[in-house]
Amino acid sequence: VALADRGLVLVGSRSLSLRAGALAAIIDHRNRHGRGEILLLEDATRAWHEARACSVRQGVGWGRAEQAAHHRALHPAEPPVAVAWGEARDQPSLLRAVRAARGALCLVTLPADGVLELLQLAAELADSQDSDSGHNKLAMALHAALALRRVPALAGGELAACEVMLNAPEVAVNLVERDMPGLRATLQAMRGAGASSFDDHLAELVAAGRVAPDEATRLG
């Protein structure tokens, strides 16, 4: 997900700190193992990222980010661009990221508890004003969605359980048709091949001795 060439990545959690932490972790991974340019919009993240394998510009405005994404869309042979947009608070901010995803990897956060809720929220937000085609643009731009929940750790403190989905034709069709029951079924069918659920990750954490089995059962 972090090293994708372009597309929209949605990051969801009810916890603001988990959303911010996941965004910072994705940026850090790309910065260490990717190439090209990383642009962090104003207020997208409080974490400071020193340039490593990528050049990093922090406190960038929307216009600069859109310009860079548009340039990359026209010149795909040039080094890739990633943009940390941060929280999508309204339809314009989300649709700007959707448009920019044609040429850049765009990271957007939303307050959602799981991948299904995250996709539903994004689709509703995309269509929230005078546009009735926002969900179509979202379906075409989407690269992946991931959601996080807090989990009590066996050794004390907390861990993050993660649910992940990579976009697929079936998901895009569900979003275009606004078929949320169908989307739920699609996500279930994709488990192990393009999607993993909270239950899958909880099982891994239990097997690794990091989360108590009864806690996983309660949260699953």
N, C-alpha and C. Protein backbone atom coordinates (compact mmCIF):
# COMPACT_ATOMS: atom_id res chain seq x y z
N VAL A 1 0.83 -1.20 0.00
CA VAL A 1 0.00 0.00 0.00
C VAL A 1 0.87 1.25 0.00
N ALA A 2 1.85 1.31 0.88
CA ALA A 2 2.67 2.51 1.04
C ALA A 2 3.51 2.81 -0.19
N LEU A 3 3.84 1.79 -0.98
CA LEU A 3 4.75 1.97 -2.11
C LEU A 3 4.01 2.02 -3.45
N ALA A 4 2.69 2.11 -3.42
CA ALA A 4 1.91 2.17 -4.66
C ALA A 4 2.27 3.41 -5.47
N ASP A 5 2.16 3.29 -6.78
CA ASP A 5 2.54 4.38 -7.67
C ASP A 5 1.55 5.54 -7.59
N ARG A 6 0.26 5.22 -7.52
CA ARG A 6 -0.77 6.25 -7.47
C ARG A 6 -2.06 5.63 -6.94
N GLY A 7 -3.08 6.45 -6.76
CA GLY A 7 -4.36 5.96 -6.27
C GLY A 7 -4.70 6.55 -4.91
N LEU A 8 -5.91 6.30 -4.46
CA LEU A 8 -6.41 6.82 -3.19
C LEU A 8 -6.34 5.73 -2.12
N VAL A 9 -5.74 6.06 -0.99
CA VAL A 9 -5.71 5.15 0.16
C VAL A 9 -6.50 5.80 1.29
N LEU A 10 -7.55 5.10 1.74
CA LEU A 10 -8.37 5.58 2.85
C LEU A 10 -7.91 4.91 4.14
N VAL A 11 -7.71 5.70 5.17
CA VAL A 11 -7.28 5.21 6.49
C VAL A 11 -8.33 5.59 7.50
N GLY A 12 -8.90 4.59 8.18
CA GLY A 12 -10.00 4.87 9.10
C GLY A 12 -9.78 4.32 10.49
N SER A 13 -10.31 5.03 11.48
CA SER A 13 -10.36 4.58 12.87
C SER A 13 -11.24 5.56 13.62
N ARG A 14 -11.89 5.09 14.68
CA ARG A 14 -12.63 6.01 15.55
C ARG A 14 -11.66 6.86 16.36
N SER A 15 -10.42 6.38 16.48
CA SER A 15 -9.39 7.07 17.27
C SER A 15 -8.59 8.01 16.38
N LEU A 16 -8.59 9.28 16.73
CA LEU A 16 -7.81 10.26 15.98
C LEU A 16 -6.33 9.93 16.04
N SER A 17 -5.85 9.49 17.20
CA SER A 17 -4.42 9.19 17.34
C SER A 17 -4.03 7.97 16.50
N LEU A 18 -4.93 6.98 16.38
CA LEU A 18 -4.63 5.82 15.53
C LEU A 18 -4.59 6.22 14.06
N ARG A 19 -5.51 7.08 13.64
CA ARG A 19 -5.49 7.55 12.25
C ARG A 19 -4.19 8.29 11.96
N ALA A 20 -3.80 9.18 12.89
CA ALA A 20 -2.57 9.95 12.70
C ALA A 20 -1.35 9.04 12.73
N GLY A 21 -1.36 8.06 13.63
CA GLY A 21 -0.22 7.14 13.72
C GLY A 21 -0.08 6.27 12.48
N ALA A 22 -1.21 5.79 11.95
CA ALA A 22 -1.17 4.97 10.74
C ALA A 22 -0.67 5.78 9.55
N LEU A 23 -1.15 7.02 9.44
CA LEU A 23 -0.71 7.89 8.36
C LEU A 23 0.80 8.12 8.44
N ALA A 24 1.29 8.41 9.64
CA ALA A 24 2.73 8.64 9.82
C ALA A 24 3.54 7.38 9.50
N ALA A 25 3.01 6.21 9.85
CA ALA A 25 3.72 4.95 9.58
C ALA A 25 3.81 4.67 8.08
N ILE A 26 2.73 4.94 7.36
CA ILE A 26 2.73 4.73 5.91
C ILE A 26 3.75 5.66 5.25
N ILE A 27 3.73 6.92 5.68
CA ILE A 27 4.67 7.90 5.13
C ILE A 27 6.10 7.47 5.44
N ASP A 28 6.35 7.04 6.67
CA ASP A 28 7.70 6.63 7.06
C ASP A 28 8.19 5.45 6.24
N HIS A 29 7.30 4.47 6.01
CA HIS A 29 7.69 3.29 5.22
C HIS A 29 8.04 3.69 3.79
N ARG A 30 7.22 4.55 3.20
CA ARG A 30 7.52 5.00 1.83
C ARG A 30 8.81 5.81 1.80
N ASN A 31 9.00 6.63 2.81
CA ASN A 31 10.20 7.47 2.87
C ASN A 31 11.47 6.63 2.96
N ARG A 32 11.38 5.49 3.64
CA ARG A 32 12.55 4.63 3.83
C ARG A 32 12.78 3.68 2.65
N HIS A 33 11.69 3.24 2.01
CA HIS A 33 11.82 2.16 1.03
C HIS A 33 11.34 2.54 -0.37
N GLY A 34 10.80 3.73 -0.55
CA GLY A 34 10.30 4.13 -1.85
C GLY A 34 11.25 5.06 -2.57
N ARG A 35 10.70 5.87 -3.45
CA ARG A 35 11.48 6.87 -4.17
C ARG A 35 10.54 8.00 -4.57
N GLY A 36 11.10 9.07 -5.09
CA GLY A 36 10.29 10.19 -5.53
C GLY A 36 10.08 11.22 -4.44
N GLU A 37 8.90 11.82 -4.45
CA GLU A 37 8.60 12.96 -3.58
C GLU A 37 7.41 12.66 -2.68
N ILE A 38 7.50 13.12 -1.45
CA ILE A 38 6.39 13.02 -0.50
C ILE A 38 5.99 14.44 -0.09
N LEU A 39 4.72 14.76 -0.26
CA LEU A 39 4.19 16.07 0.12
C LEU A 39 3.22 15.90 1.28
N LEU A 40 3.44 16.65 2.35
CA LEU A 40 2.56 16.60 3.51
C LEU A 40 1.79 17.92 3.59
N LEU A 41 0.48 17.84 3.44
CA LEU A 41 -0.33 19.05 3.51
C LEU A 41 -0.31 19.62 4.92
N GLU A 42 -0.61 20.89 5.00
CA GLU A 42 -0.70 21.55 6.31
C GLU A 42 -1.70 20.81 7.18
N ASP A 43 -1.33 20.52 8.41
CA ASP A 43 -2.16 19.83 9.40
C ASP A 43 -2.43 18.37 9.07
N ALA A 44 -1.78 17.81 8.03
CA ALA A 44 -2.02 16.41 7.71
C ALA A 44 -1.46 15.49 8.78
N THR A 45 -0.31 15.82 9.31
CA THR A 45 0.32 15.02 10.36
C THR A 45 1.23 15.91 11.20
N ARG A 46 1.32 15.60 12.48
CA ARG A 46 2.20 16.36 13.37
C ARG A 46 3.60 15.75 13.42
N ALA A 47 3.73 14.54 12.85
CA ALA A 47 5.03 13.88 12.87
C ALA A 47 5.98 14.56 11.88
N TRP A 48 7.24 14.70 12.28
CA TRP A 48 8.24 15.30 11.40
C TRP A 48 8.98 14.19 10.68
N HIS A 49 9.09 14.29 9.36
CA HIS A 49 9.74 13.26 8.55
C HIS A 49 10.97 13.82 7.86
N GLU A 50 12.12 13.33 8.26
CA GLU A 50 13.37 13.71 7.59
C GLU A 50 13.46 12.97 6.25
N ALA A 51 13.97 13.64 5.23
CA ALA A 51 14.12 13.00 3.93
C ALA A 51 15.10 11.83 4.02
N ARG A 52 14.69 10.69 3.47
CA ARG A 52 15.56 9.50 3.43
C ARG A 52 15.69 9.05 1.97
N ALA A 53 14.95 8.02 1.59
CA ALA A 53 15.00 7.60 0.19
C ALA A 53 14.20 8.55 -0.70
N CYS A 54 13.28 9.30 -0.10
CA CYS A 54 12.43 10.25 -0.84
C CYS A 54 12.75 11.68 -0.40
N SER A 55 12.44 12.63 -1.25
CA SER A 55 12.45 14.02 -0.81
C SER A 55 11.12 14.28 -0.10
N VAL A 56 11.14 15.08 0.94
CA VAL A 56 9.94 15.33 1.75
C VAL A 56 9.72 16.83 1.89
N ARG A 57 8.48 17.25 1.60
CA ARG A 57 8.11 18.66 1.79
C ARG A 57 6.91 18.70 2.74
N GLN A 58 7.05 19.43 3.81
CA GLN A 58 5.99 19.51 4.82
C GLN A 58 5.33 20.88 4.80
N GLY A 59 4.06 20.91 5.23
CA GLY A 59 3.33 22.16 5.26
C GLY A 59 2.95 22.68 3.88
N VAL A 60 2.74 21.76 2.94
CA VAL A 60 2.42 22.14 1.56
C VAL A 60 0.94 22.49 1.44
N GLY A 61 0.59 23.43 0.61
CA GLY A 61 -0.80 23.79 0.36
C GLY A 61 -1.45 22.88 -0.67
N TRP A 62 -2.78 22.89 -0.72
CA TRP A 62 -3.51 22.05 -1.66
C TRP A 62 -3.08 22.31 -3.11
N GLY A 63 -2.95 23.58 -3.46
CA GLY A 63 -2.61 23.92 -4.84
C GLY A 63 -1.31 23.31 -5.29
N ARG A 64 -0.31 23.36 -4.43
CA ARG A 64 1.01 22.78 -4.76
C ARG A 64 0.89 21.27 -4.93
N ALA A 65 0.13 20.63 -4.06
CA ALA A 65 -0.03 19.18 -4.14
C ALA A 65 -0.78 18.79 -5.41
N GLU A 66 -1.83 19.51 -5.74
CA GLU A 66 -2.60 19.21 -6.95
C GLU A 66 -1.74 19.43 -8.20
N GLN A 67 -0.93 20.46 -8.18
CA GLN A 67 -0.05 20.74 -9.32
C GLN A 67 0.95 19.60 -9.52
N ALA A 68 1.54 19.12 -8.43
CA ALA A 68 2.50 18.02 -8.52
C ALA A 68 1.84 16.74 -9.03
N ALA A 69 0.62 16.46 -8.54
CA ALA A 69 -0.10 15.26 -8.97
C ALA A 69 -0.48 15.35 -10.44
N HIS A 70 -0.94 16.52 -10.86
CA HIS A 70 -1.33 16.71 -12.26
C HIS A 70 -0.11 16.55 -13.17
N HIS A 71 1.02 17.10 -12.77
CA HIS A 71 2.24 16.98 -13.57
C HIS A 71 2.65 15.52 -13.71
N ARG A 72 2.56 14.77 -12.61
CA ARG A 72 2.94 13.35 -12.66
C ARG A 72 1.98 12.55 -13.54
N ALA A 73 0.69 12.92 -13.53
CA ALA A 73 -0.28 12.23 -14.38
C ALA A 73 0.06 12.43 -15.86
N LEU A 74 0.57 13.60 -16.19
CA LEU A 74 0.95 13.90 -17.57
C LEU A 74 2.31 13.32 -17.95
N HIS A 75 3.14 13.07 -16.93
CA HIS A 75 4.50 12.58 -17.17
C HIS A 75 4.76 11.36 -16.28
N PRO A 76 4.12 10.23 -16.59
CA PRO A 76 4.20 9.05 -15.70
C PRO A 76 5.59 8.44 -15.58
N ALA A 77 6.51 8.78 -16.49
CA ALA A 77 7.86 8.22 -16.38
C ALA A 77 8.69 8.92 -15.31
N GLU A 78 8.23 10.06 -14.83
CA GLU A 78 8.97 10.79 -13.80
C GLU A 78 8.79 10.13 -12.44
N PRO A 79 9.64 10.44 -11.45
CA PRO A 79 9.54 9.81 -10.12
C PRO A 79 8.16 10.00 -9.51
N PRO A 80 7.68 9.02 -8.75
CA PRO A 80 6.34 9.08 -8.19
C PRO A 80 6.19 10.15 -7.11
N VAL A 81 4.94 10.48 -6.87
CA VAL A 81 4.58 11.49 -5.86
C VAL A 81 3.57 10.88 -4.90
N ALA A 82 3.76 11.10 -3.62
CA ALA A 82 2.79 10.71 -2.60
C ALA A 82 2.37 11.95 -1.84
N VAL A 83 1.07 12.06 -1.55
CA VAL A 83 0.54 13.22 -0.85
C VAL A 83 -0.24 12.77 0.38
N ALA A 84 0.18 13.25 1.55
CA ALA A 84 -0.59 13.02 2.78
C ALA A 84 -1.60 14.16 2.92
N TRP A 85 -2.87 13.86 2.59
CA TRP A 85 -3.93 14.88 2.65
C TRP A 85 -4.45 15.06 4.07
N GLY A 86 -4.38 13.99 4.87
CA GLY A 86 -4.94 14.07 6.21
C GLY A 86 -6.44 13.90 6.19
N GLU A 87 -7.12 14.53 7.13
CA GLU A 87 -8.56 14.33 7.33
C GLU A 87 -9.39 14.96 6.21
N ALA A 88 -10.31 14.16 5.66
CA ALA A 88 -11.27 14.68 4.68
C ALA A 88 -12.50 15.17 5.46
N ARG A 89 -12.61 16.47 5.63
CA ARG A 89 -13.68 17.03 6.46
C ARG A 89 -14.95 17.35 5.69
N ASP A 90 -14.85 17.40 4.36
CA ASP A 90 -16.02 17.74 3.56
C ASP A 90 -15.84 17.18 2.15
N GLN A 91 -16.87 17.36 1.32
CA GLN A 91 -16.81 16.82 -0.04
C GLN A 91 -15.68 17.43 -0.87
N PRO A 92 -15.50 18.76 -0.85
CA PRO A 92 -14.42 19.32 -1.68
C PRO A 92 -13.04 18.75 -1.35
N SER A 93 -12.74 18.59 -0.06
CA SER A 93 -11.41 18.08 0.30
C SER A 93 -11.23 16.64 -0.16
N LEU A 94 -12.29 15.82 -0.06
CA LEU A 94 -12.17 14.44 -0.51
C LEU A 94 -12.04 14.37 -2.03
N LEU A 95 -12.85 15.12 -2.76
CA LEU A 95 -12.81 15.05 -4.21
C LEU A 95 -11.52 15.64 -4.78
N ARG A 96 -10.91 16.57 -4.08
CA ARG A 96 -9.60 17.07 -4.53
C ARG A 96 -8.57 15.94 -4.43
N ALA A 97 -8.63 15.17 -3.37
CA ALA A 97 -7.72 14.03 -3.24
C ALA A 97 -8.01 12.98 -4.30
N VAL A 98 -9.30 12.74 -4.58
CA VAL A 98 -9.69 11.77 -5.61
C VAL A 98 -9.12 12.17 -6.97
N ARG A 99 -9.24 13.45 -7.31
CA ARG A 99 -8.70 13.92 -8.59
C ARG A 99 -7.17 13.80 -8.63
N ALA A 100 -6.53 14.16 -7.53
CA ALA A 100 -5.07 14.10 -7.48
C ALA A 100 -4.56 12.67 -7.56
N ALA A 101 -5.40 11.70 -7.17
CA ALA A 101 -4.98 10.30 -7.18
C ALA A 101 -4.75 9.75 -8.57
N ARG A 102 -5.11 10.51 -9.61
CA ARG A 102 -4.79 10.09 -10.98
C ARG A 102 -3.29 10.11 -11.22
N GLY A 103 -2.59 10.97 -10.49
CA GLY A 103 -1.16 11.09 -10.71
C GLY A 103 -0.30 10.84 -9.49
N ALA A 104 -0.92 10.71 -8.32
CA ALA A 104 -0.15 10.56 -7.08
C ALA A 104 -0.84 9.56 -6.15
N LEU A 105 -0.07 9.04 -5.22
CA LEU A 105 -0.66 8.24 -4.14
C LEU A 105 -1.16 9.22 -3.09
N CYS A 106 -2.46 9.23 -2.84
CA CYS A 106 -3.06 10.20 -1.92
C CYS A 106 -3.61 9.49 -0.69
N LEU A 107 -3.16 9.91 0.47
CA LEU A 107 -3.52 9.29 1.75
C LEU A 107 -4.52 10.17 2.48
N VAL A 108 -5.72 9.63 2.74
CA VAL A 108 -6.81 10.39 3.34
C VAL A 108 -7.32 9.65 4.57
N THR A 109 -7.57 10.36 5.66
CA THR A 109 -8.10 9.74 6.88
C THR A 109 -9.55 10.12 7.10
N LEU A 110 -10.30 9.19 7.71
CA LEU A 110 -11.71 9.41 8.04
C LEU A 110 -12.04 8.67 9.34
N PRO A 111 -12.99 9.19 10.14
CA PRO A 111 -13.35 8.54 11.40
C PRO A 111 -14.32 7.39 11.19
N ALA A 112 -13.80 6.20 10.93
CA ALA A 112 -14.64 5.03 10.67
C ALA A 112 -14.09 3.82 11.41
N ASP A 113 -14.97 2.90 11.78
CA ASP A 113 -14.59 1.78 12.65
C ASP A 113 -14.09 0.56 11.89
N GLY A 114 -14.41 0.44 10.63
CA GLY A 114 -13.99 -0.71 9.85
C GLY A 114 -13.94 -0.34 8.38
N VAL A 115 -13.45 -1.25 7.54
CA VAL A 115 -13.33 -0.95 6.11
C VAL A 115 -14.69 -0.68 5.48
N LEU A 116 -15.71 -1.49 5.83
CA LEU A 116 -17.04 -1.28 5.26
C LEU A 116 -17.58 0.10 5.63
N GLU A 117 -17.49 0.45 6.90
CA GLU A 117 -17.95 1.77 7.34
C GLU A 117 -17.12 2.88 6.70
N LEU A 118 -15.83 2.63 6.52
CA LEU A 118 -14.94 3.61 5.90
C LEU A 118 -15.37 3.88 4.46
N LEU A 119 -15.65 2.82 3.70
CA LEU A 119 -16.07 2.99 2.31
C LEU A 119 -17.45 3.64 2.22
N GLN A 120 -18.35 3.27 3.12
CA GLN A 120 -19.67 3.89 3.15
C GLN A 120 -19.57 5.39 3.42
N LEU A 121 -18.77 5.74 4.40
CA LEU A 121 -18.59 7.15 4.76
C LEU A 121 -17.98 7.93 3.61
N ALA A 122 -16.98 7.36 2.97
CA ALA A 122 -16.33 8.04 1.85
C ALA A 122 -17.30 8.23 0.69
N ALA A 123 -18.12 7.21 0.40
CA ALA A 123 -19.08 7.31 -0.70
C ALA A 123 -20.14 8.37 -0.40
N GLU A 124 -20.62 8.40 0.84
CA GLU A 124 -21.61 9.41 1.23
C GLU A 124 -21.02 10.81 1.17
N LEU A 125 -19.79 10.95 1.62
CA LEU A 125 -19.14 12.25 1.61
C LEU A 125 -18.89 12.72 0.18
N ALA A 126 -18.54 11.80 -0.70
CA ALA A 126 -18.27 12.15 -2.09
C ALA A 126 -19.51 12.67 -2.79
N ASP A 127 -20.70 12.23 -2.36
CA ASP A 127 -21.96 12.63 -2.99
C ASP A 127 -22.75 13.64 -2.16
N SER A 128 -22.10 14.25 -1.16
CA SER A 128 -22.86 15.00 -0.14
C SER A 128 -23.41 16.34 -0.60
N GLN A 129 -22.96 16.89 -1.72
CA GLN A 129 -23.47 18.19 -2.14
C GLN A 129 -24.19 18.07 -3.48
N ASP A 130 -23.81 18.88 -4.47
CA ASP A 130 -24.55 18.90 -5.71
C ASP A 130 -24.10 17.83 -6.70
N SER A 131 -23.07 17.10 -6.37
CA SER A 131 -22.57 16.07 -7.28
C SER A 131 -23.22 14.73 -6.98
N ASP A 132 -23.66 14.05 -8.02
CA ASP A 132 -24.22 12.72 -7.85
C ASP A 132 -23.27 11.66 -8.41
N SER A 133 -22.07 12.10 -8.81
CA SER A 133 -21.13 11.17 -9.44
C SER A 133 -19.87 11.00 -8.61
N GLY A 134 -19.85 11.58 -7.42
CA GLY A 134 -18.66 11.49 -6.59
C GLY A 134 -18.27 10.07 -6.26
N HIS A 135 -19.28 9.19 -6.02
CA HIS A 135 -18.96 7.81 -5.68
C HIS A 135 -18.35 7.06 -6.87
N ASN A 136 -18.72 7.46 -8.09
CA ASN A 136 -18.10 6.86 -9.28
C ASN A 136 -16.61 7.20 -9.34
N LYS A 137 -16.29 8.46 -9.10
CA LYS A 137 -14.90 8.90 -9.12
C LYS A 137 -14.11 8.22 -8.00
N LEU A 138 -14.76 8.08 -6.85
CA LEU A 138 -14.12 7.40 -5.72
C LEU A 138 -13.79 5.96 -6.07
N ALA A 139 -14.74 5.26 -6.70
CA ALA A 139 -14.54 3.85 -7.05
C ALA A 139 -13.37 3.68 -8.00
N MET A 140 -13.22 4.61 -8.94
CA MET A 140 -12.15 4.51 -9.93
C MET A 140 -10.78 4.87 -9.33
N ALA A 141 -10.77 5.80 -8.39
CA ALA A 141 -9.50 6.28 -7.82
C ALA A 141 -8.98 5.39 -6.70
N LEU A 142 -9.87 4.65 -6.04
CA LEU A 142 -9.50 3.90 -4.84
C LEU A 142 -8.42 2.85 -5.12
N HIS A 143 -7.39 2.87 -4.30
CA HIS A 143 -6.36 1.82 -4.35
C HIS A 143 -6.51 0.85 -3.19
N ALA A 144 -6.74 1.37 -2.00
CA ALA A 144 -6.84 0.50 -0.82
C ALA A 144 -7.56 1.23 0.31
N ALA A 145 -8.05 0.45 1.24
CA ALA A 145 -8.65 1.00 2.45
C ALA A 145 -8.17 0.18 3.64
N LEU A 146 -7.83 0.86 4.72
CA LEU A 146 -7.44 0.14 5.92
C LEU A 146 -8.04 0.83 7.14
N ALA A 147 -8.42 0.01 8.11
CA ALA A 147 -9.05 0.53 9.32
C ALA A 147 -8.37 -0.10 10.54
N LEU A 148 -8.37 0.66 11.64
CA LEU A 148 -7.67 0.21 12.84
C LEU A 148 -8.55 0.34 14.08
N ARG A 149 -8.35 -0.59 15.02
CA ARG A 149 -9.02 -0.54 16.32
C ARG A 149 -7.98 -0.77 17.43
N ARG A 150 -8.23 -0.17 18.58
CA ARG A 150 -7.37 -0.39 19.73
C ARG A 150 -7.68 -1.76 20.35
N VAL A 151 -6.61 -2.46 20.74
CA VAL A 151 -6.74 -3.78 21.35
C VAL A 151 -5.83 -3.84 22.58
N PRO A 152 -6.36 -4.25 23.75
CA PRO A 152 -5.49 -4.40 24.93
C PRO A 152 -4.43 -5.47 24.70
N ALA A 153 -3.18 -5.13 24.96
CA ALA A 153 -2.08 -6.07 24.77
C ALA A 153 -1.91 -6.94 26.01
N LEU A 154 -1.50 -8.19 25.79
CA LEU A 154 -1.31 -9.13 26.90
C LEU A 154 -0.24 -8.64 27.86
N ALA A 155 0.78 -7.96 27.33
CA ALA A 155 1.88 -7.48 28.17
C ALA A 155 1.63 -6.10 28.76
N GLY A 156 0.42 -5.57 28.53
CA GLY A 156 0.10 -4.23 29.00
C GLY A 156 0.11 -3.23 27.86
N GLY A 157 -0.62 -2.16 28.04
CA GLY A 157 -0.70 -1.17 26.98
C GLY A 157 -1.70 -1.59 25.92
N GLU A 158 -1.54 -1.06 24.73
CA GLU A 158 -2.47 -1.33 23.65
C GLU A 158 -1.74 -1.62 22.34
N LEU A 159 -2.41 -2.37 21.48
CA LEU A 159 -1.96 -2.62 20.12
C LEU A 159 -3.05 -2.15 19.16
N ALA A 160 -2.71 -2.11 17.89
CA ALA A 160 -3.70 -1.77 16.87
C ALA A 160 -4.00 -3.01 16.04
N ALA A 161 -5.28 -3.40 16.00
CA ALA A 161 -5.71 -4.46 15.08
C ALA A 161 -6.13 -3.79 13.78
N CYS A 162 -5.77 -4.40 12.67
CA CYS A 162 -5.92 -3.75 11.37
C CYS A 162 -6.78 -4.59 10.43
N GLU A 163 -7.60 -3.90 9.66
CA GLU A 163 -8.40 -4.52 8.60
C GLU A 163 -7.99 -3.85 7.29
N VAL A 164 -7.72 -4.64 6.26
CA VAL A 164 -7.16 -4.10 5.01
C VAL A 164 -7.92 -4.62 3.81
N MET A 165 -8.11 -3.76 2.82
CA MET A 165 -8.73 -4.17 1.56
C MET A 165 -8.01 -3.48 0.40
N LEU A 166 -7.60 -4.26 -0.60
CA LEU A 166 -7.09 -3.71 -1.84
C LEU A 166 -8.25 -3.65 -2.83
N ASN A 167 -8.35 -2.54 -3.55
CA ASN A 167 -9.47 -2.39 -4.47
C ASN A 167 -9.45 -3.49 -5.53
N ALA A 168 -10.63 -3.89 -5.95
CA ALA A 168 -10.81 -4.92 -6.96
C ALA A 168 -12.02 -4.54 -7.81
N PRO A 169 -12.16 -5.10 -9.01
CA PRO A 169 -13.31 -4.76 -9.85
C PRO A 169 -14.65 -4.93 -9.15
N GLU A 170 -14.78 -5.98 -8.34
CA GLU A 170 -16.05 -6.22 -7.65
C GLU A 170 -16.36 -5.11 -6.66
N VAL A 171 -15.34 -4.62 -5.97
CA VAL A 171 -15.52 -3.53 -5.02
C VAL A 171 -15.94 -2.26 -5.76
N ALA A 172 -15.26 -1.97 -6.86
CA ALA A 172 -15.58 -0.78 -7.64
C ALA A 172 -17.02 -0.82 -8.14
N VAL A 173 -17.47 -2.00 -8.59
CA VAL A 173 -18.85 -2.14 -9.07
C VAL A 173 -19.83 -1.88 -7.93
N ASN A 174 -19.57 -2.44 -6.77
CA ASN A 174 -20.43 -2.21 -5.61
C ASN A 174 -20.53 -0.73 -5.27
N LEU A 175 -19.40 -0.02 -5.32
CA LEU A 175 -19.40 1.40 -5.00
C LEU A 175 -20.15 2.20 -6.06
N VAL A 176 -19.93 1.88 -7.33
CA VAL A 176 -20.62 2.59 -8.41
C VAL A 176 -22.13 2.40 -8.30
N GLU A 177 -22.54 1.18 -7.96
CA GLU A 177 -23.97 0.87 -7.86
C GLU A 177 -24.55 1.20 -6.48
N ARG A 178 -23.69 1.69 -5.59
CA ARG A 178 -24.10 2.00 -4.21
C ARG A 178 -24.74 0.80 -3.53
N ASP A 179 -24.19 -0.35 -3.80
CA ASP A 179 -24.70 -1.61 -3.27
C ASP A 179 -23.90 -1.98 -2.02
N MET A 180 -24.30 -1.44 -0.87
CA MET A 180 -23.55 -1.70 0.36
C MET A 180 -23.72 -3.13 0.88
N PRO A 181 -24.92 -3.74 0.79
CA PRO A 181 -25.00 -5.17 1.15
C PRO A 181 -24.09 -6.03 0.25
N GLY A 182 -24.06 -5.68 -1.05
CA GLY A 182 -23.18 -6.40 -1.95
C GLY A 182 -21.72 -6.18 -1.61
N LEU A 183 -21.38 -4.96 -1.18
CA LEU A 183 -20.01 -4.65 -0.79
C LEU A 183 -19.60 -5.47 0.43
N ARG A 184 -20.51 -5.61 1.38
CA ARG A 184 -20.23 -6.44 2.56
C ARG A 184 -19.91 -7.88 2.14
N ALA A 185 -20.72 -8.42 1.22
CA ALA A 185 -20.49 -9.79 0.75
C ALA A 185 -19.18 -9.90 -0.03
N THR A 186 -18.86 -8.87 -0.81
CA THR A 186 -17.62 -8.87 -1.58
C THR A 186 -16.41 -8.89 -0.64
N LEU A 187 -16.45 -8.06 0.39
CA LEU A 187 -15.33 -8.01 1.34
C LEU A 187 -15.15 -9.37 2.03
N GLN A 188 -16.26 -10.01 2.36
CA GLN A 188 -16.18 -11.32 3.00
C GLN A 188 -15.57 -12.35 2.05
N ALA A 189 -15.96 -12.29 0.78
CA ALA A 189 -15.45 -13.23 -0.22
C ALA A 189 -13.97 -13.00 -0.52
N MET A 190 -13.50 -11.77 -0.33
CA MET A 190 -12.11 -11.42 -0.65
C MET A 190 -11.13 -11.78 0.46
N ARG A 191 -11.60 -12.21 1.61
CA ARG A 191 -10.71 -12.51 2.73
C ARG A 191 -9.67 -13.55 2.31
N GLY A 192 -8.40 -13.20 2.53
CA GLY A 192 -7.31 -14.07 2.15
C GLY A 192 -6.80 -13.82 0.75
N ALA A 193 -7.53 -13.03 -0.04
CA ALA A 193 -7.12 -12.74 -1.42
C ALA A 193 -7.51 -11.30 -1.75
N GLY A 194 -6.81 -10.36 -1.14
CA GLY A 194 -7.09 -8.95 -1.38
C GLY A 194 -7.73 -8.25 -0.21
N ALA A 195 -8.07 -8.99 0.82
CA ALA A 195 -8.66 -8.37 2.01
C ALA A 195 -8.38 -9.23 3.23
N SER A 196 -8.18 -8.58 4.37
CA SER A 196 -8.06 -9.28 5.65
C SER A 196 -8.88 -8.52 6.67
N SER A 197 -9.53 -9.26 7.57
CA SER A 197 -10.45 -8.66 8.53
C SER A 197 -9.78 -8.45 9.89
N PHE A 198 -10.50 -7.75 10.77
CA PHE A 198 -10.02 -7.60 12.15
C PHE A 198 -9.86 -8.97 12.79
N ASP A 199 -10.79 -9.89 12.52
CA ASP A 199 -10.70 -11.24 13.10
C ASP A 199 -9.42 -11.94 12.67
N ASP A 200 -9.05 -11.75 11.39
CA ASP A 200 -7.82 -12.37 10.89
C ASP A 200 -6.60 -11.85 11.66
N HIS A 201 -6.53 -10.53 11.83
CA HIS A 201 -5.39 -9.94 12.52
C HIS A 201 -5.40 -10.30 14.00
N LEU A 202 -6.59 -10.33 14.62
CA LEU A 202 -6.68 -10.71 16.02
C LEU A 202 -6.18 -12.14 16.22
N ALA A 203 -6.52 -13.02 15.29
CA ALA A 203 -6.05 -14.41 15.38
C ALA A 203 -4.52 -14.46 15.31
N GLU A 204 -3.92 -13.63 14.45
CA GLU A 204 -2.47 -13.57 14.35
C GLU A 204 -1.85 -13.06 15.65
N LEU A 205 -2.48 -12.05 16.25
CA LEU A 205 -1.97 -11.49 17.50
C LEU A 205 -2.08 -12.49 18.65
N VAL A 206 -3.15 -13.27 18.66
CA VAL A 206 -3.31 -14.30 19.69
C VAL A 206 -2.26 -15.38 19.49
N ALA A 207 -2.05 -15.81 18.25
CA ALA A 207 -1.06 -16.85 17.95
C ALA A 207 0.35 -16.40 18.32
N ALA A 208 0.60 -15.11 18.23
CA ALA A 208 1.92 -14.57 18.57
C ALA A 208 2.07 -14.30 20.06
N GLY A 209 1.00 -14.56 20.84
CA GLY A 209 1.06 -14.34 22.27
C GLY A 209 0.99 -12.88 22.67
N ARG A 210 0.44 -12.04 21.83
CA ARG A 210 0.41 -10.61 22.11
C ARG A 210 -0.96 -10.14 22.60
N VAL A 211 -2.00 -10.94 22.35
CA VAL A 211 -3.35 -10.60 22.79
C VAL A 211 -3.98 -11.85 23.40
N ALA A 212 -4.70 -11.68 24.51
CA ALA A 212 -5.34 -12.81 25.18
C ALA A 212 -6.49 -13.36 24.32
N PRO A 213 -6.67 -14.69 24.26
CA PRO A 213 -7.75 -15.27 23.46
C PRO A 213 -9.14 -14.75 23.83
N ASP A 214 -9.41 -14.60 25.13
CA ASP A 214 -10.74 -14.12 25.53
C ASP A 214 -10.96 -12.67 25.10
N GLU A 215 -9.89 -11.89 25.06
CA GLU A 215 -9.99 -10.50 24.61
C GLU A 215 -10.30 -10.46 23.11
N ALA A 216 -9.64 -11.33 22.36
CA ALA A 216 -9.90 -11.40 20.92
C ALA A 216 -11.33 -11.83 20.64
N THR A 217 -11.83 -12.76 21.45
CA THR A 217 -13.22 -13.22 21.27
C THR A 217 -14.20 -12.08 21.57
N ARG A 218 -13.91 -11.33 22.61
CA ARG A 218 -14.77 -10.20 22.97
C ARG A 218 -14.80 -9.13 21.88
N LEU A 219 -13.66 -8.89 21.27
CA LEU A 219 -13.56 -7.84 20.27
C LEU A 219 -13.95 -8.29 18.87
N GLY A 220 -13.94 -9.59 18.62
CA GLY A 220 -14.20 -10.10 17.28
C GLY A 220 -15.66 -10.03 16.88
